[in-house]
Protein backbone atom coordinates (compact mmCIF):
# COMPACT_ATOMS: atom_id res chain seq x y z
CA MET A 1 0.00 0.00 0.00
CA SER A 2 1.30 3.43 -0.89
CA ARG A 3 2.21 6.02 1.70
CA SER A 4 0.11 8.48 -0.29
CA ASP A 5 -3.26 6.96 0.64
CA ARG A 6 -2.73 5.07 3.95
CA PHE A 7 -3.89 8.01 6.08
CA LEU A 8 -6.95 8.73 3.94
CA ARG A 9 -7.97 5.06 3.96
CA ALA A 10 -7.75 4.95 7.76
CA LEU A 11 -9.96 8.03 8.04
CA ARG A 12 -12.54 6.36 5.83
CA GLY A 13 -12.43 3.17 7.90
CA GLU A 14 -10.85 1.13 5.09
CA PRO A 15 -8.17 -1.57 5.64
CA VAL A 16 -4.54 -0.42 5.80
CA ASP A 17 -1.24 -2.31 5.80
CA THR A 18 0.09 -0.50 8.86
CA THR A 19 -1.24 2.21 11.15
CA PRO A 20 -0.69 5.64 9.61
CA VAL A 21 1.08 8.17 11.80
CA TRP A 22 1.59 11.92 11.90
CA ILE A 23 2.46 14.20 14.81
CA MET A 24 0.66 17.32 15.93
CA ARG A 25 3.05 20.31 15.65
CA GLN A 26 5.40 18.09 13.64
CA ALA A 27 6.70 21.27 11.96
CA GLY A 28 7.90 23.07 15.07
CA ARG A 29 10.56 24.28 17.44
CA TYR A 30 12.03 20.85 18.24
CA LEU A 31 13.47 20.76 14.69
CA PRO A 32 16.68 22.75 14.10
CA GLU A 33 15.65 23.39 10.49
CA TYR A 34 12.42 24.97 11.72
CA ARG A 35 14.36 27.24 14.07
CA ALA A 36 16.54 28.33 11.15
CA THR A 37 13.52 29.18 9.00
CA ARG A 38 11.88 30.98 11.93
CA ALA A 39 15.01 33.10 12.37
CA LYS A 40 14.88 33.94 8.66
CA ALA A 41 11.27 35.07 9.03
CA GLY A 42 12.03 37.25 12.02
CA ASP A 43 8.74 36.70 13.87
CA PHE A 44 6.02 34.09 14.12
CA LEU A 45 3.25 35.94 12.27
CA THR A 46 5.57 36.72 9.36
CA LEU A 47 6.36 33.01 9.15
CA CYS A 48 2.64 32.20 9.06
CA LYS A 49 1.87 34.89 6.49
CA THR A 50 4.71 34.17 4.03
CA PRO A 51 3.54 31.29 1.83
CA GLU A 52 7.02 30.22 0.74
CA LEU A 53 8.23 30.00 4.35
CA ALA A 54 5.05 28.28 5.56
CA CYS A 55 5.53 25.75 2.76
CA GLU A 56 9.17 25.25 3.73
CA VAL A 57 8.43 24.41 7.36
CA THR A 58 5.40 22.26 6.49
CA LEU A 59 7.64 20.05 4.35
CA GLN A 60 10.53 19.77 6.82
CA PRO A 61 9.25 16.79 8.85
CA ILE A 62 7.87 14.79 5.91
CA ASP A 63 11.04 12.98 4.89
CA ARG A 64 12.92 13.48 8.15
CA LEU A 65 10.26 11.70 10.21
CA GLY A 66 8.62 9.55 7.52
CA VAL A 67 5.10 10.57 8.59
CA ASP A 68 2.03 9.71 6.53
CA ALA A 69 0.56 13.23 6.32
CA ALA A 70 1.64 16.86 6.17
CA ILE A 71 -0.18 19.54 8.11
CA LEU A 72 -0.31 23.14 6.98
CA PHE A 73 1.92 25.42 9.04
CA SER A 74 -0.19 28.25 10.43
CA ASP A 75 -1.93 29.21 13.67
CA ILE A 76 -5.53 28.75 14.77
CA LEU A 77 -5.86 32.46 15.61
CA ILE A 78 -5.12 33.75 12.10
CA PRO A 79 -8.86 34.32 11.30
CA LEU A 80 -9.35 36.58 14.33
CA GLU A 81 -7.37 39.40 12.73
CA PRO A 82 -9.62 39.85 9.69
CA MET A 83 -12.60 39.57 12.02
CA GLY A 84 -11.35 42.81 13.58
CA MET A 85 -9.14 41.75 16.50
CA LYS A 86 -5.55 42.90 16.88
CA LEU A 87 -3.28 39.86 17.17
CA GLY A 88 0.32 39.66 18.31
CA PHE A 89 2.80 37.10 19.64
CA PRO A 90 5.09 39.17 21.87
CA ASN A 91 6.59 36.18 23.74
CA GLU A 92 5.52 33.10 21.75
CA GLY A 93 2.04 33.18 23.35
CA PRO A 94 -0.75 35.17 21.65
CA ARG A 95 -2.14 38.49 22.81
CA LEU A 96 -5.45 40.00 21.64
CA GLU A 97 -7.64 42.91 22.64
CA PRO A 98 -10.46 40.97 24.34
CA VAL A 99 -14.11 41.09 23.27
CA ARG A 100 -16.46 40.71 26.25
CA ASP A 101 -19.75 42.45 25.51
CA GLU A 102 -22.47 42.68 22.89
CA ALA A 103 -21.06 45.84 21.31
CA GLY A 104 -17.69 44.17 20.85
CA VAL A 105 -19.27 41.10 19.29
CA ARG A 106 -21.43 43.21 16.96
CA ALA A 107 -18.31 45.01 15.73
CA LEU A 108 -16.67 41.78 14.60
CA ARG A 109 -16.88 40.89 10.91
CA VAL A 110 -17.28 37.54 9.18
CA PRO A 111 -14.46 37.90 6.66
CA ASN A 112 -14.10 36.36 3.22
CA ALA A 113 -11.18 33.98 3.67
CA GLU A 114 -9.94 34.16 0.08
CA GLU A 115 -9.82 37.96 0.22
CA THR A 116 -8.48 38.50 3.74
CA MET A 117 -6.23 35.46 4.24
CA PRO A 118 -4.95 34.69 0.73
CA PHE A 119 -1.51 33.80 2.11
CA VAL A 120 -2.98 30.67 3.71
CA MET A 121 -4.51 29.43 0.48
CA ASP A 122 -1.32 30.33 -1.42
CA ALA A 123 0.63 28.22 1.08
CA VAL A 124 -1.77 25.28 0.62
CA ARG A 125 -1.31 25.42 -3.15
CA LEU A 126 2.50 25.62 -2.84
CA ILE A 127 2.59 22.70 -0.41
CA ARG A 128 0.40 20.49 -2.60
CA ARG A 129 2.65 21.12 -5.58
CA ALA A 130 5.78 20.43 -3.55
CA LEU A 131 4.38 17.23 -2.03
CA ASP A 132 3.52 15.96 -5.51
CA GLY A 133 1.23 13.28 -4.10
CA LYS A 134 3.76 11.88 -1.62
CA VAL A 135 1.42 12.26 1.37
CA PRO A 136 -1.93 14.03 1.92
CA LEU A 137 -2.12 17.57 3.25
CA ILE A 138 -4.15 18.46 6.34
CA GLY A 139 -5.64 21.92 6.66
CA PHE A 140 -6.93 23.12 10.00
CA ALA A 141 -8.67 25.72 12.10
CA GLY A 142 -9.66 26.33 15.69
CA ALA A 143 -13.10 25.09 16.72
CA PRO A 144 -15.57 27.85 17.63
CA PHE A 145 -15.48 27.41 21.41
CA THR A 146 -11.69 27.46 21.56
CA MET A 147 -11.63 30.53 19.32
CA LEU A 148 -14.12 32.16 21.69
CA THR A 149 -11.82 31.58 24.65
CA TYR A 150 -8.99 33.48 22.96
CA ALA A 151 -11.31 36.27 21.86
CA VAL A 152 -12.73 36.68 25.37
CA GLU A 153 -9.63 36.01 27.49
CA GLY A 154 -7.28 37.90 25.14
CA GLN A 155 -4.64 35.20 25.61
CA THR A 156 -4.22 31.53 26.43
CA GLY A 157 -6.57 30.91 29.33
CA LYS A 158 -5.92 29.40 32.76
CA GLN A 159 -9.11 29.38 34.80
CA PHE A 160 -11.19 30.72 31.88
CA ALA A 161 -13.09 32.95 34.30
CA GLU A 162 -13.91 35.61 31.69
CA THR A 163 -15.06 32.96 29.22
CA LYS A 164 -17.37 31.27 31.70
CA LYS A 165 -18.62 34.60 32.99
CA LEU A 166 -19.78 35.38 29.45
CA LEU A 167 -21.36 31.93 28.99
CA TYR A 168 -23.25 32.06 32.26
CA THR A 169 -24.20 35.75 32.53
CA ALA A 170 -24.72 36.64 28.87
CA PRO A 171 -25.40 33.39 26.98
CA ALA A 172 -27.12 35.21 24.10
CA VAL A 173 -23.95 37.25 23.49
CA ALA A 174 -21.84 34.09 23.70
CA HIS A 175 -24.02 32.43 21.08
CA GLN A 176 -23.76 35.50 18.82
CA LEU A 177 -19.98 35.28 19.06
CA LEU A 178 -19.98 31.53 18.49
CA GLN A 179 -22.13 31.93 15.37
CA LYS A 180 -19.78 34.54 13.90
CA LEU A 181 -16.80 32.31 14.66
CA THR A 182 -18.57 29.32 13.10
CA ASP A 183 -19.34 31.24 9.92
CA THR A 184 -15.74 32.48 9.75
CA VAL A 185 -14.21 29.04 10.29
CA ALA A 186 -16.59 27.41 7.81
CA ASP A 187 -15.57 29.81 5.05
CA TYR A 188 -11.89 29.53 6.03
CA LEU A 189 -11.80 25.72 5.94
CA ALA A 190 -13.84 25.57 2.74
CA ALA A 191 -11.26 27.88 1.14
CA GLN A 192 -8.44 25.61 2.34
CA ILE A 193 -10.19 22.58 0.84
CA ARG A 194 -10.74 24.39 -2.47
CA ALA A 195 -7.04 25.33 -2.49
CA GLY A 196 -6.04 21.67 -2.06
CA ALA A 197 -6.28 20.55 1.58
CA GLN A 198 -7.34 16.89 1.48
CA VAL A 199 -8.28 16.59 5.17
CA VAL A 200 -9.18 19.24 7.75
CA GLN A 201 -8.76 19.12 11.52
CA LEU A 202 -10.71 21.18 14.04
CA PHE A 203 -8.63 21.91 17.13
CA ASP A 204 -10.81 22.37 20.23
CA SER A 205 -7.85 22.93 22.52
CA TRP A 206 -9.76 24.26 25.54
CA VAL A 207 -13.13 22.53 25.27
CA GLY A 208 -12.13 20.18 28.09
CA GLN A 209 -12.81 23.10 30.42
CA LEU A 210 -16.53 22.57 29.83
CA ALA A 211 -18.85 20.30 31.73
CA PRO A 212 -20.84 17.97 29.44
CA GLU A 213 -23.97 20.12 29.75
CA ASP A 214 -22.04 23.22 28.67
CA PHE A 215 -20.34 21.29 25.86
CA ARG A 216 -23.78 20.42 24.51
CA ALA A 217 -24.88 24.05 24.72
CA PHE A 218 -21.81 26.05 23.67
CA ALA A 219 -19.55 23.76 21.63
CA ALA A 220 -21.25 20.74 20.09
CA PRO A 221 -23.93 22.56 18.05
CA TYR A 222 -21.34 24.75 16.35
CA VAL A 223 -19.00 21.86 15.57
CA LYS A 224 -22.00 20.03 14.10
CA LYS A 225 -22.82 23.06 11.93
CA LEU A 226 -19.24 23.14 10.67
CA VAL A 227 -19.19 19.43 9.90
CA ASP A 228 -22.54 19.61 8.10
CA THR A 229 -21.35 22.60 6.05
CA LEU A 230 -17.99 21.08 5.09
CA LYS A 231 -19.00 17.45 4.48
CA PRO A 232 -20.28 18.06 0.94
CA LEU A 233 -16.79 19.26 -0.06
CA GLY A 234 -15.50 15.70 0.36
CA ALA A 235 -12.51 16.19 2.67
CA PRO A 236 -12.50 13.98 5.79
CA ILE A 237 -12.88 15.95 9.04
CA ILE A 238 -11.00 15.28 12.29
CA TYR A 239 -12.31 16.81 15.52
CA PHE A 240 -9.81 17.02 18.38
CA ALA A 241 -11.42 17.82 21.73
CA ASN A 242 -8.40 18.16 24.00
CA ASP A 243 -8.90 16.91 27.57
CA GLY A 244 -12.31 15.78 26.40
CA GLY A 245 -12.56 12.19 27.60
CA SER A 246 -15.90 12.90 29.27
CA LEU A 247 -17.17 14.46 26.02
CA LEU A 248 -16.30 11.64 23.62
CA ALA A 249 -19.75 10.05 23.45
CA ASP A 250 -21.27 13.42 22.54
CA ALA A 251 -18.42 14.21 20.14
CA ALA A 252 -18.98 10.94 18.27
CA ARG A 253 -22.46 12.14 17.32
CA LEU A 254 -21.26 15.31 15.59
CA GLY A 255 -20.47 13.67 12.24
CA ALA A 256 -16.69 13.99 12.07
CA ASP A 257 -14.83 11.16 10.36
CA ALA A 258 -12.25 10.95 13.14
CA LEU A 259 -11.86 12.05 16.74
CA GLY A 260 -8.53 13.02 18.26
CA VAL A 261 -7.99 11.55 21.72
CA ASP A 262 -5.52 12.97 24.22
CA TRP A 263 -3.29 10.74 26.37
CA ARG A 264 -5.56 10.94 29.43
CA THR A 265 -8.11 8.48 27.98
CA PRO A 266 -6.90 5.02 26.86
CA LEU A 267 -8.01 4.25 23.32
CA ASP A 268 -9.97 1.14 24.27
CA GLU A 269 -12.00 3.24 26.73
CA ALA A 270 -12.42 5.91 24.06
CA ARG A 271 -13.70 3.28 21.61
CA ALA A 272 -16.21 2.03 24.15
CA ARG A 273 -17.58 5.57 24.45
CA THR A 274 -17.63 6.39 20.72
CA GLY A 275 -18.62 3.12 19.06
CA ASP A 276 -17.09 1.87 15.82
CA GLY A 277 -18.38 4.54 13.45
CA VAL A 278 -15.40 6.89 13.73
CA THR A 279 -11.64 6.65 13.39
CA LEU A 280 -9.70 7.41 16.58
CA GLN A 281 -6.50 9.44 16.42
CA GLY A 282 -3.86 9.39 19.12
CA ASN A 283 -2.71 9.15 21.75
CA LEU A 284 0.84 8.88 23.18
CA ASP A 285 1.79 11.40 25.87
CA PRO A 286 4.13 13.92 24.16
CA CYS A 287 6.44 13.89 27.20
CA LEU A 288 7.23 10.22 26.58
CA LEU A 289 9.36 11.35 23.63
CA PHE A 290 11.87 12.72 26.13
CA GLY A 291 12.37 9.20 27.48
CA PRO A 292 14.47 6.29 26.18
CA VAL A 293 13.52 4.75 22.86
CA ALA A 294 12.75 1.37 24.44
CA GLU A 295 10.11 3.00 26.65
CA ILE A 296 8.69 4.99 23.74
CA GLU A 297 8.30 1.75 21.80
CA ARG A 298 6.73 -0.08 24.75
CA ARG A 299 4.16 2.63 25.29
CA ALA A 300 3.47 2.92 21.55
CA ASP A 301 2.77 -0.82 21.52
CA ASP A 302 0.23 -0.30 24.30
CA VAL A 303 -1.53 2.41 22.26
CA LEU A 304 -1.60 0.12 19.21
CA ALA A 305 -2.91 -2.80 21.23
CA ARG A 306 -5.71 -0.70 22.72
CA ALA A 307 -6.60 0.56 19.23
CA GLY A 308 -7.07 -3.06 18.20
CA GLY A 309 -6.00 -2.55 14.59
CA LYS A 310 -9.23 -0.87 13.53
CA ARG A 311 -9.93 2.71 12.42
CA HIS A 312 -6.82 4.20 14.02
CA VAL A 313 -4.38 6.99 13.14
CA PHE A 314 -1.39 7.08 15.45
CA ASN A 315 -0.51 10.48 16.89
CA LEU A 316 0.53 12.08 20.12
CA GLY A 317 -2.14 13.10 22.59
CA HIS A 318 -1.18 16.74 21.94
CA GLY A 319 1.54 18.65 20.11
CA ILE A 320 5.19 17.59 20.18
CA LEU A 321 7.12 19.71 22.66
CA PRO A 322 10.14 21.99 22.11
CA GLY A 323 13.29 20.20 23.20
CA THR A 324 12.09 16.79 22.02
CA PRO A 325 14.99 14.90 20.40
CA PRO A 326 14.06 14.62 16.70
CA GLU A 327 15.59 11.15 16.57
CA HIS A 328 13.03 10.00 19.14
CA ALA A 329 10.21 11.17 16.90
CA VAL A 330 11.82 9.27 14.01
CA ALA A 331 12.10 6.15 16.18
CA LEU A 332 8.41 6.39 17.09
CA VAL A 333 7.26 6.66 13.48
CA GLU A 334 9.48 3.79 12.36
CA HIS A 335 8.25 1.60 15.22
CA VAL A 336 4.59 2.23 14.45
CA HIS A 337 5.19 1.41 10.79
CA ARG A 338 6.85 -1.90 11.72
CA HIS A 339 3.58 -2.99 13.31
CA ARG A 340 1.97 -4.65 10.28
CA LEU A 341 -1.80 -5.03 10.03
CA SER A 342 -1.97 -7.09 6.84
């Protein structure tokens, strides 16, 4: 079976010869070649907004690691700028002018992705040409609830007090904001698919902060709207609800082709909660890649055993961390590929 279709077959629930594997944040600071390109760009947003450089870093891990998919290099917050929010990365982490009331939400636009973020679509087209069919390309965006947390908190949240204050004291305003974010993300991902993304992933990085009741009210309906809007375009959809073990049964009903699972929920338990109708993606603890290769391989075998050889894409349970030895990532990918399924 060719490396070019293994990942796509697994997402569709079709038989594969070995479990496909890619790594969240596989184009990132742990790679010296990424750090060199980042220095050339000067700052993070310039790197994201320069198609040639975004293409360069997207391609860096493909041959070095031997992964079965590429993922567009960008950031989930890119759409917030054309919506009308000032965005900066002064010390790696994002900073925004927060939106916390009805007037602020009303002032936000739903931008046309092709017109306001053409650099993303240009990068997708460059990457597809450069890959030349070697592996599929994943596009991505932040899920509406996670985007809301950044818009309301103005930065990466901790207790998410401002977010929950909005949800609980002004739910109508929260829903207005979520609808605008949903419309923005739908147009943005559709544009990525039209430009050549073959799969799209929705990152719901902070949805694990919600109780199941609040997930059903403030997250699930908007993910469902996105999935329903994007499905006719034909690209498989992965939904990653980080720290969302308690939400998996609900998430499985949203229509995504695959669900990302973080390392806190064993895959056999995740499968029991989701049923067999979706592919599961995950879920090795990223910190294990700091350990010895023998332990990485032992724990990878446990993940594979719990997946049971059906509808599984191997990944970490979250993004690979700065400082990870690249050779450990290579060893993980090679070990997973040695585990033959047919």
